[in-house]
C-alpha cells in the first residue's frame, strides 16, 4: 500500500480531511520523508521535536533513529490516529496542542524535524529561534526557505534571515515537488537544514530584539542613521534611542543601508542600544 493510500484510509476511518484553515498538505512521498529525516543526522542520543505529526508518516522514521520523539499535532482526529499507531512505542510522546501555545522550556529536545503548516511558518521559526536547538530539518515552501538563507543586500533579506544566519549554518538540501504532498499544493517546497553555530554570544531579550529588528526592517532601504530617526516615531520598549544613536557612530555604520548590515552587526548594535 502506498503512503497516499495509507493516508486516505486513515482519513476515512478517523473521519478527517485536510482543511485549508490549517493549511494542511500531507507529505506522502517516501524518498522526501527519508531525506527530511536523514538531514537531521539523528542518533539514539537525540530527543526530537516534531511539529505537525499528521498521521505519523515521518514520526515513524524519526522514532526508529532517535532516543525520544515529541510529536506535536493540533487536530484531535489525527492525535487519535497517532496514539493508536504508537501505542506500544516507548519513545514517542503525542502532544495534542497548538504548537504556538507550547512553552518549549517544558520539553527537553535537542533537534527538530518538521513538515508543519506553512501558514504559520514565521511564528514557528521565531518561537524555535528564541528557544534554540542543536539541529533542525524542515520542509517549507521554497520561497520561505530561500528567505531564511537570503544574504544581506538581497531583496528577500528579512528579520528571520538575520536571526537564522546569526545562530545557524543553513542550506537547502533539495527542492521538493508539489506531487510529494496530498492535497497537491500550487508551489514547490524545500528541505531546509539548520545547524547551530558554535561559540556565538546569545541574543539577549529576544522578544525585544525581534520587535526592534522588525521596526528597522520597515525602513530597510534607508540608511541606518535615517532609520534611527524613525524610532522616535516608532519607539521600541527596551531600546534606548540615545544609546542607539551613539552605537551607530561607534560602529561607523551611519551611512550604511539597513538591508546591507550583516547579522552580527544587528546583534552588536542591539546590545549597545539596550536599556
Protein backbone atom coordinates (compact mmCIF):
# COMPACT_ATOMS: atom_id res chain seq x y z
CA UNK A 1 0.00 0.00 0.00
CA UNK A 2 1.34 3.42 -0.95
CA UNK A 3 1.67 6.22 1.60
CA UNK A 4 -1.13 8.09 -0.18
CA UNK A 5 -3.37 5.03 0.12
CA UNK A 6 -2.50 4.78 3.83
CA UNK A 7 -3.35 8.44 4.34
CA UNK A 8 -6.67 8.15 2.55
CA UNK A 9 -7.54 5.01 4.52
CA UNK A 10 -6.81 6.87 7.77
CA UNK A 11 -8.93 9.79 6.58
CA UNK A 12 -11.91 7.50 6.08
CA UNK A 13 -11.51 5.53 9.32
CA UNK A 14 -10.79 8.54 11.55
CA UNK A 15 -13.18 10.90 9.79
CA UNK A 16 -10.88 13.78 8.90
CA UNK A 17 -9.79 15.57 5.77
CA UNK A 18 -7.19 18.27 5.04
CA UNK A 19 -8.58 21.71 5.80
CA UNK A 20 -7.49 24.98 4.25
CA UNK A 21 -7.70 26.79 7.59
CA UNK A 22 -4.91 24.51 8.84
CA UNK A 23 -3.00 24.89 5.54
CA UNK A 24 -2.59 21.11 5.58
CA UNK A 25 -0.72 19.36 2.80
CA UNK A 26 0.42 15.93 3.97
CA UNK A 27 3.81 14.63 2.87
CA UNK A 28 3.21 11.26 1.17
CA UNK A 29 6.45 10.72 -0.73
CA UNK A 30 8.76 8.10 0.78
CA UNK A 31 12.06 9.45 -0.58
CA UNK A 32 11.42 13.02 0.54
CA UNK A 33 10.40 11.84 4.01
CA UNK A 34 13.62 9.83 4.24
CA UNK A 35 15.67 12.83 3.09
CA UNK A 36 13.93 15.11 5.59
CA UNK A 37 14.81 12.81 8.49
CA UNK A 38 18.30 11.95 7.20
CA UNK A 39 19.31 15.61 7.06
CA UNK A 40 18.78 15.87 10.85
CA UNK A 41 21.61 13.34 11.49
CA UNK A 42 19.64 11.58 14.23
CA UNK A 43 21.20 9.24 16.79
CA UNK A 44 19.86 7.37 19.81
CA UNK A 45 21.19 10.18 22.00
CA UNK A 46 18.84 12.72 20.43
CA UNK A 47 15.49 13.95 21.67
CA UNK A 48 13.48 15.23 18.73
CA UNK A 49 10.61 17.69 18.49
CA UNK A 50 8.32 17.02 15.52
CA UNK A 51 5.90 19.78 14.53
CA UNK A 52 2.80 18.76 12.59
CA UNK A 53 2.95 15.00 13.06
CA UNK A 54 -0.17 14.34 10.99
CA UNK A 55 -0.79 10.59 10.74
CA UNK A 56 2.74 9.67 11.83
CA UNK A 57 4.38 9.00 8.45
CA UNK A 58 7.50 10.99 9.36
CA UNK A 59 7.15 10.19 13.07
CA UNK A 60 7.81 6.51 12.34
CA UNK A 61 11.11 7.32 10.67
CA UNK A 62 12.18 9.67 13.46
CA UNK A 63 11.34 7.19 16.23
CA UNK A 64 13.40 4.45 14.57
CA UNK A 65 16.54 6.56 14.84
CA UNK A 66 16.33 8.68 17.99
CA UNK A 67 16.00 8.19 21.71
CA UNK A 68 12.83 10.23 22.25
CA UNK A 69 10.25 11.82 19.94
CA UNK A 70 7.83 14.57 20.94
CA UNK A 71 5.18 14.60 18.20
CA UNK A 72 3.07 17.76 18.23
CA UNK A 73 -0.30 17.70 16.46
CA UNK A 74 -3.25 20.06 16.83
CA UNK A 75 -6.15 18.10 15.38
CA UNK A 76 -7.82 15.61 17.78
CA UNK A 77 -8.71 13.19 14.96
CA UNK A 78 -5.08 12.95 13.93
CA UNK A 79 -3.93 12.55 17.53
CA UNK A 80 -6.21 9.52 17.83
CA UNK A 81 -4.54 8.02 14.77
CA UNK A 82 -1.13 8.74 16.30
CA UNK A 83 -2.00 7.25 19.69
CA UNK A 84 -3.21 4.06 18.06
CA UNK A 85 -0.20 3.80 15.78
CA UNK A 86 2.35 4.39 18.56
CA UNK A 87 0.51 2.76 21.46
CA UNK A 88 3.39 0.36 22.08
CA UNK A 89 6.21 2.79 21.29
CA UNK A 90 8.06 3.79 24.45
CA UNK A 91 9.97 6.62 22.81
CA UNK A 92 7.05 8.57 21.29
CA UNK A 93 5.04 11.18 23.22
CA UNK A 94 1.99 12.61 21.45
CA UNK A 95 1.35 16.27 22.34
CA UNK A 96 -2.16 17.37 21.34
CA UNK A 97 -1.69 21.13 21.25
CA UNK A 98 -1.30 24.14 19.03
CA UNK A 99 2.49 24.35 18.71
CA UNK A 100 2.46 28.11 19.25
CA UNK A 101 0.78 27.65 22.65
CA UNK A 102 3.51 25.34 23.97
CA UNK A 103 6.11 26.52 26.47
CA UNK A 104 9.13 24.92 24.81
CA UNK A 105 11.12 25.06 28.03
CA UNK A 106 8.89 22.23 29.30
CA UNK A 107 10.11 19.87 26.55
CA UNK A 108 13.65 18.53 26.60
CA UNK A 109 14.67 18.34 22.94
CA UNK A 110 17.88 18.94 21.03
CA UNK A 111 16.74 18.57 17.42
CA UNK A 112 13.70 19.47 15.34
CA UNK A 113 12.19 17.63 12.37
CA UNK A 114 9.12 19.26 10.90
CA UNK A 115 6.76 19.39 7.96
CA UNK A 116 4.38 21.87 9.60
CA UNK A 117 1.58 24.11 8.26
CA UNK A 118 3.09 26.78 6.03
CA UNK A 119 0.57 29.43 7.12
CA UNK A 120 2.34 29.91 10.47
CA UNK A 121 5.91 29.47 9.23
CA UNK A 122 7.17 32.82 10.56
CA UNK A 123 5.70 32.29 14.02
CA UNK A 124 7.06 28.75 14.25
CA UNK A 125 10.58 29.82 13.39
CA UNK A 126 10.60 32.82 15.75
CA UNK A 127 9.49 30.51 18.56
CA UNK A 128 12.16 27.91 17.77
CA UNK A 129 14.90 30.52 17.36
CA UNK A 130 14.06 32.02 20.75
CA UNK A 131 14.25 28.62 22.46
CA UNK A 132 17.18 27.33 20.42
CA UNK A 133 18.01 23.87 19.09
CA UNK A 134 21.14 21.99 18.03
CA UNK A 135 19.98 20.98 14.58
CA UNK A 136 16.77 21.14 12.57
CA UNK A 137 15.37 19.73 9.36
CA UNK A 138 12.27 21.38 7.92
CA UNK A 139 10.05 21.23 4.87
CA UNK A 140 8.90 24.73 4.00
CA UNK A 141 7.52 26.45 0.95
CA UNK A 142 10.55 27.03 -1.28
CA UNK A 143 10.28 30.83 -1.13
CA UNK A 144 10.25 30.78 2.66
CA UNK A 145 13.29 28.51 2.90
CA UNK A 146 15.05 30.79 0.43
CA UNK A 147 14.15 33.83 2.56
CA UNK A 148 15.70 32.20 5.64
CA UNK A 149 19.01 31.93 3.77
CA UNK A 150 18.84 35.23 1.85
CA UNK A 151 22.07 37.23 2.33
CA UNK A 152 22.48 40.91 3.22
CA UNK A 153 21.74 43.12 0.24
CA UNK A 154 19.19 40.78 -1.31
CA UNK A 155 15.58 41.79 -1.83
CA UNK A 156 14.42 38.87 0.36
CA UNK A 157 16.68 39.74 3.33
CA UNK A 158 14.37 39.71 6.34
CA UNK A 159 14.45 39.73 10.16
CA UNK A 160 14.21 35.92 10.07
CA UNK A 161 17.22 35.84 7.72
CA UNK A 162 19.20 37.86 10.26
CA UNK A 163 18.34 35.63 13.22
CA UNK A 164 18.72 32.36 11.34
CA UNK A 165 22.11 33.25 9.89
CA UNK A 166 23.42 34.62 13.17
CA UNK A 167 22.51 31.48 15.10
CA UNK A 168 22.74 28.74 12.45
CA UNK A 169 24.55 27.47 9.39
CA UNK A 170 21.87 26.64 6.86
CA UNK A 171 21.45 25.01 3.49
CA UNK A 172 18.68 23.89 1.19
CA UNK A 173 19.03 20.12 0.96
CA UNK A 174 16.72 19.74 -2.02
CA UNK A 175 13.74 21.19 -3.82
CA UNK A 176 10.53 19.19 -3.32
CA UNK A 177 7.86 18.76 -5.99
CA UNK A 178 4.22 19.58 -5.22
CA UNK A 179 3.46 15.96 -6.16
CA UNK A 180 5.11 14.86 -2.90
CA UNK A 181 2.04 16.10 -0.99
CA UNK A 182 -1.68 15.48 -0.66
CA UNK A 183 -3.57 17.59 -1.47
CA UNK A 184 -1.14 18.76 -4.16
CA UNK A 185 -0.18 22.41 -3.42
CA UNK A 186 0.40 25.00 -6.14
CA UNK A 187 4.01 25.66 -5.16
CA UNK A 188 7.34 23.89 -4.72
CA UNK A 189 8.75 23.20 -1.28
CA UNK A 190 12.28 22.69 0.04
CA UNK A 191 14.01 20.71 2.75
CA UNK A 192 15.92 23.22 4.88
CA UNK A 193 18.72 22.11 7.20
CA UNK A 194 19.91 24.31 10.08
CA UNK A 195 22.86 23.54 12.37
CA UNK A 196 23.64 25.69 15.40
CA UNK A 197 26.77 27.79 15.12
CA UNK A 198 29.23 27.37 17.96
CA UNK A 199 30.64 29.97 20.32
CA UNK A 200 28.42 32.91 19.39
CA UNK A 201 27.13 35.37 22.00
CA UNK A 202 23.44 34.70 22.69
CA UNK A 203 20.78 37.22 21.71
CA UNK A 204 19.57 38.66 24.98
CA UNK A 205 15.99 39.93 25.41
CA UNK A 206 14.99 38.01 22.30
CA UNK A 207 11.39 39.34 22.04
CA UNK A 208 12.69 42.92 22.27
CA UNK A 209 15.34 42.16 19.65
CA UNK A 210 12.71 40.81 17.27
CA UNK A 211 10.45 43.82 17.77
CA UNK A 212 13.37 46.22 17.23
CA UNK A 213 14.57 44.30 14.17
CA UNK A 214 11.12 44.30 12.59
CA UNK A 215 10.89 48.04 13.14
CA UNK A 216 14.26 48.64 11.48
CA UNK A 217 13.31 46.48 8.52
CA UNK A 218 10.28 48.66 7.88
CA UNK A 219 12.91 51.14 6.69
CA UNK A 220 15.34 48.63 5.19
CA UNK A 221 16.17 50.82 2.18
CA UNK A 222 17.11 53.82 4.32
CA UNK A 223 20.50 54.47 5.87
CA UNK A 224 20.89 53.32 9.46
CA UNK A 225 21.06 56.96 10.53
CA UNK A 226 17.74 57.80 8.84
CA UNK A 227 16.15 54.61 10.11
CA UNK A 228 17.17 55.55 13.65
CA UNK A 229 15.16 58.75 13.34
CA UNK A 230 12.09 56.65 12.62
CA UNK A 231 12.48 55.04 16.04
CA UNK A 232 11.41 58.36 17.52
CA UNK A 233 8.05 57.84 15.81
CA UNK A 234 8.03 54.09 16.42
CA UNK A 235 9.80 53.54 19.77
CA UNK A 236 10.58 50.00 20.90
CA UNK A 237 10.29 49.26 24.61
CA UNK A 238 13.65 48.17 25.96
CA UNK A 239 15.74 50.07 23.39
CA UNK A 240 17.26 53.46 24.18
CA UNK A 241 17.10 55.96 21.33
CA UNK A 242 20.13 57.82 22.73
CA UNK A 243 22.22 54.65 23.09
CA UNK A 244 21.18 53.60 19.60
CA UNK A 245 22.41 56.88 18.13
CA UNK A 246 25.75 56.59 19.95
CA UNK A 247 26.14 52.96 18.89
CA UNK A 248 25.65 53.87 15.23
CA UNK A 249 28.52 56.34 15.45
CA UNK A 250 30.70 53.94 17.45
CA UNK A 251 30.25 51.18 14.85
CA UNK A 252 30.66 53.65 11.97
CA UNK A 253 27.56 52.43 10.15
CA UNK A 254 25.51 55.64 9.98
CA UNK A 255 25.60 55.76 6.18
CA UNK A 256 25.06 52.03 5.59
CA UNK A 257 21.70 50.89 4.27
CA UNK A 258 19.82 48.77 6.81
CA UNK A 259 19.46 45.84 4.40
CA UNK A 260 23.24 45.73 3.87
CA UNK A 261 24.11 45.08 7.52
CA UNK A 262 25.42 41.64 8.46
CA UNK A 263 23.55 39.62 11.12
CA UNK A 264 26.43 40.22 13.57
CA UNK A 265 26.07 43.98 13.00
CA UNK A 266 22.43 43.92 14.06
CA UNK A 267 23.18 41.92 17.21
CA UNK A 268 26.06 44.18 18.22
CA UNK A 269 24.01 47.30 17.51
CA UNK A 270 21.15 45.96 19.61
CA UNK A 271 23.44 45.04 22.52
CA UNK A 272 24.81 48.57 22.59
CA UNK A 273 21.30 50.04 22.43
CA UNK A 274 19.55 48.03 25.14
CA UNK A 275 18.23 49.92 28.13
